Amino acid sequence: MKRRISILLSFLFLFLFNISFALTEKDFKHSMNFYQKLVEKKVNVEELIFTLQKILQKYSDIEVNLTPVRKKLLTLRKFKISRDFYKKLEARGATIDERIAALKRIIIKFRNADADLSGMEKKLRQLQRVKTGEEEELGEFEEFEVDKETGGPTIEGEFEEGETSSSEIDEETEDLEEFREFEP
């Protein structure tokens, strides 16, 4: 009798464990669908990065393959660094040819990323028209402006709040150190 009870409890435990894993796998798929909807709506990169970070945190203890999420996150961080470098290059007063070359490299490198490149593509077309003399250079495009109210928190902000450990920041820095393509 005791043996039957222990076997029954074992099966019950395995059954409940499998049900809970199926629910978390389903939740993970829902989270990724939510992320994909954000990509389709062309939200800014900061929001996409924030969403992927939250997905990683939420599902890190569950046996779900998070490798694609990590790859997307790394790609978006690299894109953000490239975009920010372009903004600095532009603010420094780089020539039109330098800006065109930088924009082309960014667009080619990240054309398959989840980031919205439409603002950069517009800026590239405008610079090409300026170079050929078809139009005069105008100010910044609105698409390049980051809406501070909707952007995700910064790593520095999370660190101040105690949500990010220094080891996480070190890991992120190590991942991004390889990406120095646009430095002079």
N, C-alpha and C. Protein backbone atom coordinates (compact mmCIF):
# COMPACT_ATOMS: atom_id res chain seq x y z
N MET A 1 0.82 -1.19 0.00
CA MET A 1 0.00 0.00 0.00
C MET A 1 0.87 1.26 0.00
N LYS A 2 1.92 1.26 0.86
CA LYS A 2 2.80 2.42 0.91
C LYS A 2 3.51 2.62 -0.42
N ARG A 3 3.86 1.51 -1.05
CA ARG A 3 4.55 1.60 -2.33
C ARG A 3 3.65 2.23 -3.38
N ARG A 4 2.39 1.85 -3.41
CA ARG A 4 1.44 2.40 -4.37
C ARG A 4 1.25 3.90 -4.15
N ILE A 5 1.20 4.30 -2.92
CA ILE A 5 1.04 5.72 -2.60
C ILE A 5 2.26 6.50 -3.08
N SER A 6 3.45 5.96 -2.83
CA SER A 6 4.65 6.67 -3.28
C SER A 6 4.73 6.74 -4.80
N ILE A 7 4.34 5.66 -5.48
CA ILE A 7 4.32 5.67 -6.95
C ILE A 7 3.28 6.67 -7.45
N LEU A 8 2.12 6.66 -6.83
CA LEU A 8 1.06 7.59 -7.22
C LEU A 8 1.50 9.04 -7.02
N LEU A 9 2.15 9.32 -5.88
CA LEU A 9 2.65 10.67 -5.62
C LEU A 9 3.73 11.06 -6.62
N SER A 10 4.56 10.10 -6.99
CA SER A 10 5.61 10.39 -7.99
C SER A 10 4.98 10.76 -9.33
N PHE A 11 4.00 10.00 -9.77
CA PHE A 11 3.33 10.32 -11.03
C PHE A 11 2.60 11.65 -10.95
N LEU A 12 1.98 11.90 -9.83
CA LEU A 12 1.29 13.16 -9.64
C LEU A 12 2.26 14.34 -9.72
N PHE A 13 3.42 14.19 -9.06
CA PHE A 13 4.44 15.24 -9.11
C PHE A 13 4.92 15.47 -10.54
N LEU A 14 5.23 14.40 -11.26
CA LEU A 14 5.69 14.52 -12.65
C LEU A 14 4.62 15.17 -13.53
N PHE A 15 3.37 14.77 -13.32
CA PHE A 15 2.27 15.34 -14.10
C PHE A 15 2.15 16.84 -13.83
N LEU A 16 2.16 17.23 -12.57
CA LEU A 16 2.05 18.65 -12.23
C LEU A 16 3.25 19.44 -12.72
N PHE A 17 4.44 18.85 -12.65
CA PHE A 17 5.64 19.52 -13.14
C PHE A 17 5.53 19.78 -14.65
N ASN A 18 5.06 18.78 -15.39
CA ASN A 18 4.91 18.95 -16.84
C ASN A 18 3.86 19.99 -17.18
N ILE A 19 2.79 20.04 -16.43
CA ILE A 19 1.75 21.05 -16.67
C ILE A 19 2.32 22.44 -16.40
N SER A 20 3.05 22.60 -15.31
CA SER A 20 3.60 23.92 -14.99
C SER A 20 4.62 24.34 -16.04
N PHE A 21 5.42 23.40 -16.57
CA PHE A 21 6.39 23.75 -17.62
C PHE A 21 5.66 24.16 -18.89
N ALA A 22 4.59 23.45 -19.24
CA ALA A 22 3.84 23.79 -20.44
C ALA A 22 3.24 25.19 -20.32
N LEU A 23 2.77 25.54 -19.15
CA LEU A 23 2.21 26.87 -18.96
C LEU A 23 3.29 27.93 -19.09
N THR A 24 4.47 27.69 -18.54
CA THR A 24 5.52 28.69 -18.64
C THR A 24 6.04 28.79 -20.06
N GLU A 25 6.10 27.70 -20.78
CA GLU A 25 6.50 27.73 -22.19
C GLU A 25 5.47 28.56 -22.98
N LYS A 26 4.21 28.36 -22.65
CA LYS A 26 3.16 29.12 -23.31
C LYS A 26 3.28 30.61 -22.96
N ASP A 27 3.56 30.90 -21.70
CA ASP A 27 3.75 32.29 -21.29
C ASP A 27 4.92 32.92 -22.01
N PHE A 28 6.00 32.15 -22.18
CA PHE A 28 7.17 32.65 -22.90
C PHE A 28 6.79 32.99 -24.35
N LYS A 29 6.03 32.13 -24.97
CA LYS A 29 5.60 32.39 -26.36
C LYS A 29 4.74 33.65 -26.42
N HIS A 30 3.88 33.85 -25.42
CA HIS A 30 3.06 35.07 -25.37
C HIS A 30 3.95 36.31 -25.20
N SER A 31 4.96 36.21 -24.37
CA SER A 31 5.88 37.34 -24.18
C SER A 31 6.62 37.66 -25.48
N MET A 32 7.05 36.64 -26.18
CA MET A 32 7.75 36.87 -27.45
C MET A 32 6.80 37.43 -28.51
N ASN A 33 5.54 36.99 -28.49
CA ASN A 33 4.55 37.58 -29.41
C ASN A 33 4.34 39.06 -29.10
N PHE A 34 4.30 39.40 -27.81
CA PHE A 34 4.18 40.80 -27.41
C PHE A 34 5.37 41.60 -27.94
N TYR A 35 6.57 41.04 -27.78
CA TYR A 35 7.78 41.70 -28.29
C TYR A 35 7.68 41.90 -29.80
N GLN A 36 7.22 40.88 -30.51
CA GLN A 36 7.10 40.97 -31.97
C GLN A 36 6.10 42.06 -32.36
N LYS A 37 5.04 42.22 -31.60
CA LYS A 37 4.08 43.29 -31.88
C LYS A 37 4.72 44.65 -31.68
N LEU A 38 5.59 44.78 -30.69
CA LEU A 38 6.31 46.04 -30.49
C LEU A 38 7.21 46.33 -31.69
N VAL A 39 7.86 45.29 -32.21
CA VAL A 39 8.72 45.46 -33.39
C VAL A 39 7.88 45.92 -34.58
N GLU A 40 6.73 45.31 -34.77
CA GLU A 40 5.85 45.68 -35.88
C GLU A 40 5.35 47.12 -35.75
N LYS A 41 5.15 47.59 -34.52
CA LYS A 41 4.71 48.96 -34.29
C LYS A 41 5.86 49.96 -34.42
N LYS A 42 7.07 49.44 -34.60
CA LYS A 42 8.27 50.26 -34.77
C LYS A 42 8.53 51.18 -33.58
N VAL A 43 8.45 50.58 -32.38
CA VAL A 43 8.78 51.36 -31.19
C VAL A 43 10.29 51.57 -31.15
N ASN A 44 10.73 52.49 -30.32
CA ASN A 44 12.16 52.81 -30.31
C ASN A 44 12.99 51.68 -29.71
N VAL A 45 14.26 51.73 -29.99
CA VAL A 45 15.20 50.69 -29.59
C VAL A 45 15.26 50.52 -28.08
N GLU A 46 15.19 51.60 -27.36
CA GLU A 46 15.25 51.52 -25.90
C GLU A 46 14.11 50.66 -25.34
N GLU A 47 12.93 50.80 -25.91
CA GLU A 47 11.80 49.99 -25.44
C GLU A 47 11.98 48.52 -25.79
N LEU A 48 12.53 48.25 -26.96
CA LEU A 48 12.78 46.86 -27.35
C LEU A 48 13.82 46.22 -26.42
N ILE A 49 14.88 46.96 -26.14
CA ILE A 49 15.91 46.46 -25.24
C ILE A 49 15.32 46.21 -23.85
N PHE A 50 14.54 47.15 -23.35
CA PHE A 50 13.91 47.02 -22.04
C PHE A 50 13.02 45.77 -21.99
N THR A 51 12.23 45.56 -23.05
CA THR A 51 11.33 44.41 -23.10
C THR A 51 12.11 43.10 -23.10
N LEU A 52 13.17 43.02 -23.90
CA LEU A 52 13.97 41.79 -23.94
C LEU A 52 14.66 41.54 -22.60
N GLN A 53 15.11 42.58 -21.94
CA GLN A 53 15.72 42.41 -20.62
C GLN A 53 14.71 41.85 -19.63
N LYS A 54 13.49 42.34 -19.67
CA LYS A 54 12.45 41.84 -18.77
C LYS A 54 12.11 40.39 -19.08
N ILE A 55 12.08 40.03 -20.36
CA ILE A 55 11.81 38.64 -20.74
C ILE A 55 12.93 37.73 -20.21
N LEU A 56 14.17 38.17 -20.36
CA LEU A 56 15.29 37.38 -19.84
C LEU A 56 15.19 37.19 -18.33
N GLN A 57 14.85 38.26 -17.63
CA GLN A 57 14.73 38.16 -16.17
C GLN A 57 13.59 37.22 -15.77
N LYS A 58 12.48 37.35 -16.46
CA LYS A 58 11.29 36.58 -16.09
C LYS A 58 11.48 35.08 -16.33
N TYR A 59 12.16 34.72 -17.41
CA TYR A 59 12.25 33.31 -17.78
C TYR A 59 13.63 32.71 -17.56
N SER A 60 14.50 33.37 -16.83
CA SER A 60 15.85 32.85 -16.62
C SER A 60 15.87 31.58 -15.76
N ASP A 61 14.92 31.42 -14.87
CA ASP A 61 14.89 30.25 -13.99
C ASP A 61 14.11 29.08 -14.58
N ILE A 62 13.49 29.31 -15.71
CA ILE A 62 12.67 28.29 -16.33
C ILE A 62 13.46 27.69 -17.49
N GLU A 63 13.29 26.42 -17.73
CA GLU A 63 14.06 25.75 -18.77
C GLU A 63 13.48 26.05 -20.14
N VAL A 64 13.70 27.29 -20.58
CA VAL A 64 13.30 27.73 -21.91
C VAL A 64 14.56 28.21 -22.60
N ASN A 65 14.70 27.93 -23.88
CA ASN A 65 15.88 28.34 -24.62
C ASN A 65 15.84 29.86 -24.84
N LEU A 66 16.70 30.57 -24.13
CA LEU A 66 16.75 32.03 -24.20
C LEU A 66 17.85 32.54 -25.12
N THR A 67 18.54 31.66 -25.81
CA THR A 67 19.63 32.07 -26.70
C THR A 67 19.17 33.06 -27.76
N PRO A 68 18.04 32.83 -28.45
CA PRO A 68 17.60 33.82 -29.45
C PRO A 68 17.30 35.19 -28.83
N VAL A 69 16.79 35.19 -27.61
CA VAL A 69 16.49 36.45 -26.93
C VAL A 69 17.78 37.19 -26.63
N ARG A 70 18.78 36.45 -26.15
CA ARG A 70 20.09 37.08 -25.86
C ARG A 70 20.72 37.64 -27.13
N LYS A 71 20.62 36.91 -28.24
CA LYS A 71 21.18 37.38 -29.51
C LYS A 71 20.49 38.66 -29.97
N LYS A 72 19.17 38.68 -29.88
CA LYS A 72 18.43 39.88 -30.27
C LYS A 72 18.82 41.06 -29.39
N LEU A 73 18.94 40.81 -28.10
CA LEU A 73 19.31 41.86 -27.17
C LEU A 73 20.69 42.42 -27.49
N LEU A 74 21.64 41.56 -27.76
CA LEU A 74 22.99 42.00 -28.08
C LEU A 74 22.99 42.80 -29.39
N THR A 75 22.24 42.34 -30.38
CA THR A 75 22.16 43.05 -31.66
C THR A 75 21.55 44.44 -31.47
N LEU A 76 20.50 44.53 -30.67
CA LEU A 76 19.87 45.83 -30.44
C LEU A 76 20.79 46.77 -29.66
N ARG A 77 21.55 46.23 -28.72
CA ARG A 77 22.51 47.07 -27.99
C ARG A 77 23.59 47.59 -28.93
N LYS A 78 24.06 46.72 -29.82
CA LYS A 78 25.07 47.15 -30.80
C LYS A 78 24.49 48.22 -31.72
N PHE A 79 23.25 48.04 -32.13
CA PHE A 79 22.60 49.05 -32.97
C PHE A 79 22.51 50.38 -32.24
N LYS A 80 22.13 50.33 -30.98
CA LYS A 80 22.00 51.56 -30.20
C LYS A 80 23.35 52.27 -30.10
N ILE A 81 24.41 51.51 -29.88
CA ILE A 81 25.75 52.11 -29.81
C ILE A 81 26.09 52.76 -31.15
N SER A 82 25.80 52.08 -32.25
CA SER A 82 26.09 52.62 -33.58
C SER A 82 25.29 53.89 -33.84
N ARG A 83 24.02 53.84 -33.48
CA ARG A 83 23.16 55.01 -33.69
C ARG A 83 23.65 56.19 -32.87
N ASP A 84 24.00 55.94 -31.62
CA ASP A 84 24.50 57.01 -30.76
C ASP A 84 25.83 57.55 -31.27
N PHE A 85 26.68 56.67 -31.80
CA PHE A 85 27.94 57.14 -32.36
C PHE A 85 27.68 58.02 -33.58
N TYR A 86 26.70 57.64 -34.41
CA TYR A 86 26.38 58.46 -35.57
C TYR A 86 25.92 59.85 -35.12
N LYS A 87 25.11 59.90 -34.08
CA LYS A 87 24.65 61.19 -33.57
C LYS A 87 25.82 62.05 -33.11
N LYS A 88 26.79 61.41 -32.44
CA LYS A 88 27.98 62.15 -32.01
C LYS A 88 28.80 62.61 -33.21
N LEU A 89 28.90 61.76 -34.21
CA LEU A 89 29.63 62.09 -35.43
C LEU A 89 28.98 63.30 -36.11
N GLU A 90 27.69 63.31 -36.16
CA GLU A 90 26.94 64.41 -36.76
C GLU A 90 27.10 65.69 -35.94
N ALA A 91 27.03 65.57 -34.63
CA ALA A 91 27.17 66.74 -33.75
C ALA A 91 28.58 67.32 -33.83
N ARG A 92 29.56 66.48 -34.07
CA ARG A 92 30.94 66.92 -34.19
C ARG A 92 31.19 67.67 -35.50
N GLY A 93 30.24 67.60 -36.40
CA GLY A 93 30.38 68.31 -37.66
C GLY A 93 31.10 67.51 -38.73
N ALA A 94 30.88 66.22 -38.77
CA ALA A 94 31.50 65.37 -39.78
C ALA A 94 31.02 65.77 -41.17
N THR A 95 31.81 65.47 -42.16
CA THR A 95 31.45 65.81 -43.53
C THR A 95 30.28 64.94 -43.98
N ILE A 96 29.65 65.37 -45.06
CA ILE A 96 28.51 64.62 -45.60
C ILE A 96 28.95 63.23 -46.02
N ASP A 97 30.13 63.12 -46.63
CA ASP A 97 30.61 61.81 -47.06
C ASP A 97 30.82 60.87 -45.87
N GLU A 98 31.36 61.37 -44.78
CA GLU A 98 31.56 60.54 -43.58
C GLU A 98 30.22 60.09 -43.01
N ARG A 99 29.26 60.99 -42.98
CA ARG A 99 27.95 60.62 -42.44
C ARG A 99 27.23 59.63 -43.35
N ILE A 100 27.35 59.83 -44.66
CA ILE A 100 26.73 58.88 -45.60
C ILE A 100 27.34 57.49 -45.42
N ALA A 101 28.66 57.43 -45.33
CA ALA A 101 29.35 56.14 -45.15
C ALA A 101 28.92 55.47 -43.85
N ALA A 102 28.85 56.23 -42.78
CA ALA A 102 28.45 55.66 -41.48
C ALA A 102 27.02 55.14 -41.53
N LEU A 103 26.11 55.93 -42.12
CA LEU A 103 24.72 55.49 -42.22
C LEU A 103 24.60 54.23 -43.07
N LYS A 104 25.32 54.17 -44.17
CA LYS A 104 25.27 52.97 -45.02
C LYS A 104 25.74 51.74 -44.25
N ARG A 105 26.85 51.88 -43.51
CA ARG A 105 27.35 50.74 -42.73
C ARG A 105 26.32 50.29 -41.69
N ILE A 106 25.71 51.25 -41.02
CA ILE A 106 24.72 50.90 -39.99
C ILE A 106 23.52 50.22 -40.63
N ILE A 107 23.01 50.77 -41.71
CA ILE A 107 21.83 50.20 -42.36
C ILE A 107 22.11 48.80 -42.89
N ILE A 108 23.28 48.61 -43.50
CA ILE A 108 23.63 47.28 -44.02
C ILE A 108 23.81 46.29 -42.88
N LYS A 109 24.51 46.69 -41.84
CA LYS A 109 24.80 45.78 -40.73
C LYS A 109 23.54 45.37 -39.97
N PHE A 110 22.59 46.29 -39.82
CA PHE A 110 21.42 46.02 -38.99
C PHE A 110 20.11 45.90 -39.78
N ARG A 111 20.20 45.65 -41.08
CA ARG A 111 18.98 45.57 -41.88
C ARG A 111 18.08 44.41 -41.45
N ASN A 112 18.65 43.37 -40.88
CA ASN A 112 17.84 42.23 -40.43
C ASN A 112 17.54 42.27 -38.93
N ALA A 113 17.94 43.33 -38.28
CA ALA A 113 17.67 43.48 -36.84
C ALA A 113 16.22 43.95 -36.65
N ASP A 114 15.77 43.87 -35.42
CA ASP A 114 14.40 44.28 -35.12
C ASP A 114 14.24 45.79 -35.00
N ALA A 115 15.32 46.52 -35.09
CA ALA A 115 15.28 47.98 -34.92
C ALA A 115 14.65 48.64 -36.14
N ASP A 116 14.00 49.76 -35.90
CA ASP A 116 13.40 50.56 -36.97
C ASP A 116 14.48 51.42 -37.60
N LEU A 117 14.77 51.16 -38.86
CA LEU A 117 15.81 51.89 -39.58
C LEU A 117 15.25 52.98 -40.48
N SER A 118 13.96 53.21 -40.46
CA SER A 118 13.34 54.15 -41.40
C SER A 118 13.88 55.57 -41.23
N GLY A 119 14.13 56.00 -40.01
CA GLY A 119 14.68 57.34 -39.79
C GLY A 119 16.06 57.48 -40.37
N MET A 120 16.87 56.44 -40.22
CA MET A 120 18.22 56.48 -40.78
C MET A 120 18.19 56.44 -42.30
N GLU A 121 17.28 55.66 -42.85
CA GLU A 121 17.16 55.60 -44.31
C GLU A 121 16.73 56.95 -44.88
N LYS A 122 15.81 57.63 -44.21
CA LYS A 122 15.40 58.96 -44.65
C LYS A 122 16.57 59.94 -44.58
N LYS A 123 17.32 59.86 -43.49
CA LYS A 123 18.47 60.75 -43.33
C LYS A 123 19.50 60.48 -44.42
N LEU A 124 19.72 59.22 -44.75
CA LEU A 124 20.67 58.86 -45.81
C LEU A 124 20.22 59.42 -47.15
N ARG A 125 18.95 59.26 -47.47
CA ARG A 125 18.44 59.81 -48.74
C ARG A 125 18.60 61.32 -48.77
N GLN A 126 18.31 61.98 -47.64
CA GLN A 126 18.44 63.43 -47.58
C GLN A 126 19.90 63.85 -47.79
N LEU A 127 20.83 63.17 -47.14
CA LEU A 127 22.25 63.50 -47.29
C LEU A 127 22.73 63.26 -48.72
N GLN A 128 22.22 62.21 -49.34
CA GLN A 128 22.60 61.95 -50.73
C GLN A 128 22.07 63.04 -51.66
N ARG A 129 20.86 63.53 -51.38
CA ARG A 129 20.32 64.64 -52.18
C ARG A 129 21.12 65.91 -51.95
N VAL A 130 21.54 66.16 -50.72
CA VAL A 130 22.36 67.34 -50.41
C VAL A 130 23.69 67.24 -51.14
N LYS A 131 24.25 66.07 -51.17
CA LYS A 131 25.55 65.87 -51.82
C LYS A 131 25.46 66.13 -53.32
N THR A 132 24.36 65.72 -53.93
CA THR A 132 24.19 65.95 -55.37
C THR A 132 23.69 67.35 -55.67
N GLY A 133 23.38 68.12 -54.63
CA GLY A 133 22.94 69.50 -54.81
C GLY A 133 21.46 69.67 -55.06
N GLU A 134 20.69 68.61 -54.87
CA GLU A 134 19.25 68.67 -55.10
C GLU A 134 18.51 69.42 -53.99
N GLU A 135 19.09 69.44 -52.80
CA GLU A 135 18.43 70.15 -51.70
C GLU A 135 19.48 70.59 -50.69
N GLU A 136 19.08 71.54 -49.86
CA GLU A 136 19.97 72.02 -48.81
C GLU A 136 19.78 71.17 -47.57
N GLU A 137 20.84 71.09 -46.76
CA GLU A 137 20.78 70.28 -45.55
C GLU A 137 19.86 70.93 -44.53
N LEU A 138 18.98 70.12 -43.98
CA LEU A 138 18.06 70.58 -42.95
C LEU A 138 18.51 70.06 -41.59
N GLY A 139 17.77 70.38 -40.57
CA GLY A 139 18.10 69.93 -39.22
C GLY A 139 17.83 68.45 -39.04
N GLU A 140 17.83 68.04 -37.80
CA GLU A 140 17.63 66.64 -37.44
C GLU A 140 16.23 66.18 -37.81
N PHE A 141 16.11 64.90 -38.14
CA PHE A 141 14.80 64.28 -38.31
C PHE A 141 14.23 63.95 -36.95
N GLU A 142 12.92 64.00 -36.84
CA GLU A 142 12.28 63.67 -35.56
C GLU A 142 12.51 62.22 -35.17
N GLU A 143 12.66 61.32 -36.17
CA GLU A 143 12.82 59.91 -35.87
C GLU A 143 14.09 59.62 -35.08
N PHE A 144 15.06 60.53 -35.15
CA PHE A 144 16.29 60.31 -34.42
C PHE A 144 16.17 60.72 -32.96
N GLU A 145 15.16 61.48 -32.63
CA GLU A 145 15.00 61.94 -31.25
C GLU A 145 14.43 60.80 -30.41
N VAL A 146 15.02 60.57 -29.26
CA VAL A 146 14.55 59.54 -28.35
C VAL A 146 13.55 60.18 -27.41
N ASP A 147 12.36 59.60 -27.36
CA ASP A 147 11.34 60.08 -26.46
C ASP A 147 11.68 59.60 -25.06
N LYS A 148 12.13 60.50 -24.22
CA LYS A 148 12.63 60.11 -22.89
C LYS A 148 11.53 59.55 -22.00
N GLU A 149 10.29 59.91 -22.27
CA GLU A 149 9.20 59.41 -21.44
C GLU A 149 8.92 57.93 -21.71
N THR A 150 9.14 57.47 -22.95
CA THR A 150 8.80 56.09 -23.28
C THR A 150 10.01 55.18 -23.32
N GLY A 151 11.21 55.72 -23.25
CA GLY A 151 12.41 54.89 -23.32
C GLY A 151 12.57 54.05 -22.06
N GLY A 152 13.24 52.92 -22.22
CA GLY A 152 13.50 52.04 -21.10
C GLY A 152 14.51 52.66 -20.16
N PRO A 153 14.60 52.12 -18.97
CA PRO A 153 15.56 52.66 -18.01
C PRO A 153 16.99 52.40 -18.47
N THR A 154 17.87 53.24 -18.07
CA THR A 154 19.27 53.07 -18.42
C THR A 154 19.91 52.10 -17.46
N ILE A 155 21.05 51.57 -17.86
CA ILE A 155 21.78 50.67 -16.99
C ILE A 155 22.20 51.41 -15.74
N GLU A 156 22.60 52.68 -15.92
CA GLU A 156 23.01 53.48 -14.77
C GLU A 156 21.86 53.65 -13.79
N GLY A 157 20.64 53.91 -14.33
CA GLY A 157 19.47 54.07 -13.46
C GLY A 157 19.15 52.80 -12.71
N GLU A 158 19.23 51.65 -13.39
CA GLU A 158 18.98 50.38 -12.73
C GLU A 158 20.04 50.11 -11.67
N PHE A 159 21.28 50.45 -11.97
CA PHE A 159 22.35 50.21 -11.01
C PHE A 159 22.14 51.04 -9.75
N GLU A 160 21.70 52.30 -9.95
CA GLU A 160 21.44 53.16 -8.79
C GLU A 160 20.29 52.61 -7.96
N GLU A 161 19.30 52.00 -8.64
CA GLU A 161 18.17 51.43 -7.93
C GLU A 161 18.50 50.06 -7.34
N GLY A 162 19.67 49.52 -7.67
CA GLY A 162 20.08 48.23 -7.13
C GLY A 162 19.56 47.05 -7.91
N GLU A 163 18.98 47.26 -9.11
CA GLU A 163 18.45 46.15 -9.89
C GLU A 163 19.51 45.45 -10.71
N THR A 164 20.61 46.09 -11.00
CA THR A 164 21.65 45.51 -11.82
C THR A 164 22.92 45.39 -11.00
N SER A 165 23.51 44.22 -11.05
CA SER A 165 24.76 44.03 -10.32
C SER A 165 25.92 44.45 -11.20
N SER A 166 27.05 44.70 -10.59
CA SER A 166 28.22 45.12 -11.36
C SER A 166 28.69 44.00 -12.27
N SER A 167 28.44 42.74 -11.91
CA SER A 167 28.85 41.63 -12.78
C SER A 167 28.04 41.63 -14.07
N GLU A 168 26.73 42.00 -14.00
CA GLU A 168 25.92 42.09 -15.21
C GLU A 168 26.44 43.19 -16.12
N ILE A 169 26.82 44.31 -15.55
CA ILE A 169 27.34 45.41 -16.35
C ILE A 169 28.66 45.01 -16.99
N ASP A 170 29.52 44.29 -16.22
CA ASP A 170 30.79 43.83 -16.77
C ASP A 170 30.56 42.88 -17.94
N GLU A 171 29.56 41.97 -17.82
CA GLU A 171 29.26 41.04 -18.91
C GLU A 171 28.80 41.80 -20.14
N GLU A 172 27.92 42.81 -19.94
CA GLU A 172 27.44 43.59 -21.08
C GLU A 172 28.58 44.35 -21.73
N THR A 173 29.48 44.89 -20.93
CA THR A 173 30.61 45.63 -21.47
C THR A 173 31.51 44.70 -22.27
N GLU A 174 31.74 43.47 -21.76
CA GLU A 174 32.57 42.52 -22.48
C GLU A 174 31.94 42.18 -23.83
N ASP A 175 30.60 41.98 -23.86
CA ASP A 175 29.92 41.68 -25.11
C ASP A 175 30.08 42.80 -26.11
N LEU A 176 30.04 44.04 -25.65
CA LEU A 176 30.04 45.17 -26.55
C LEU A 176 31.43 45.67 -26.90
N GLU A 177 32.46 45.20 -26.19
CA GLU A 177 33.81 45.66 -26.48
C GLU A 177 34.27 45.25 -27.86
N GLU A 178 33.75 44.13 -28.38
CA GLU A 178 34.13 43.68 -29.71
C GLU A 178 33.61 44.62 -30.79
N PHE A 179 32.62 45.39 -30.45
CA PHE A 179 31.96 46.23 -31.45
C PHE A 179 32.52 47.63 -31.40
N ARG A 180 33.59 47.86 -32.12
CA ARG A 180 34.25 49.15 -32.16
C ARG A 180 34.40 49.62 -33.60
N GLU A 181 33.49 49.19 -34.45
CA GLU A 181 33.58 49.44 -35.88
C GLU A 181 33.60 50.93 -36.22
N PHE A 182 32.89 51.74 -35.48
CA PHE A 182 32.71 53.14 -35.87
C PHE A 182 33.60 54.10 -35.11
N GLU A 183 34.51 53.61 -34.30
CA GLU A 183 35.41 54.53 -33.60
C GLU A 183 36.50 55.00 -34.55
N PRO A 184 36.91 56.26 -34.41
CA PRO A 184 37.94 56.78 -35.33
C PRO A 184 39.29 56.12 -35.11
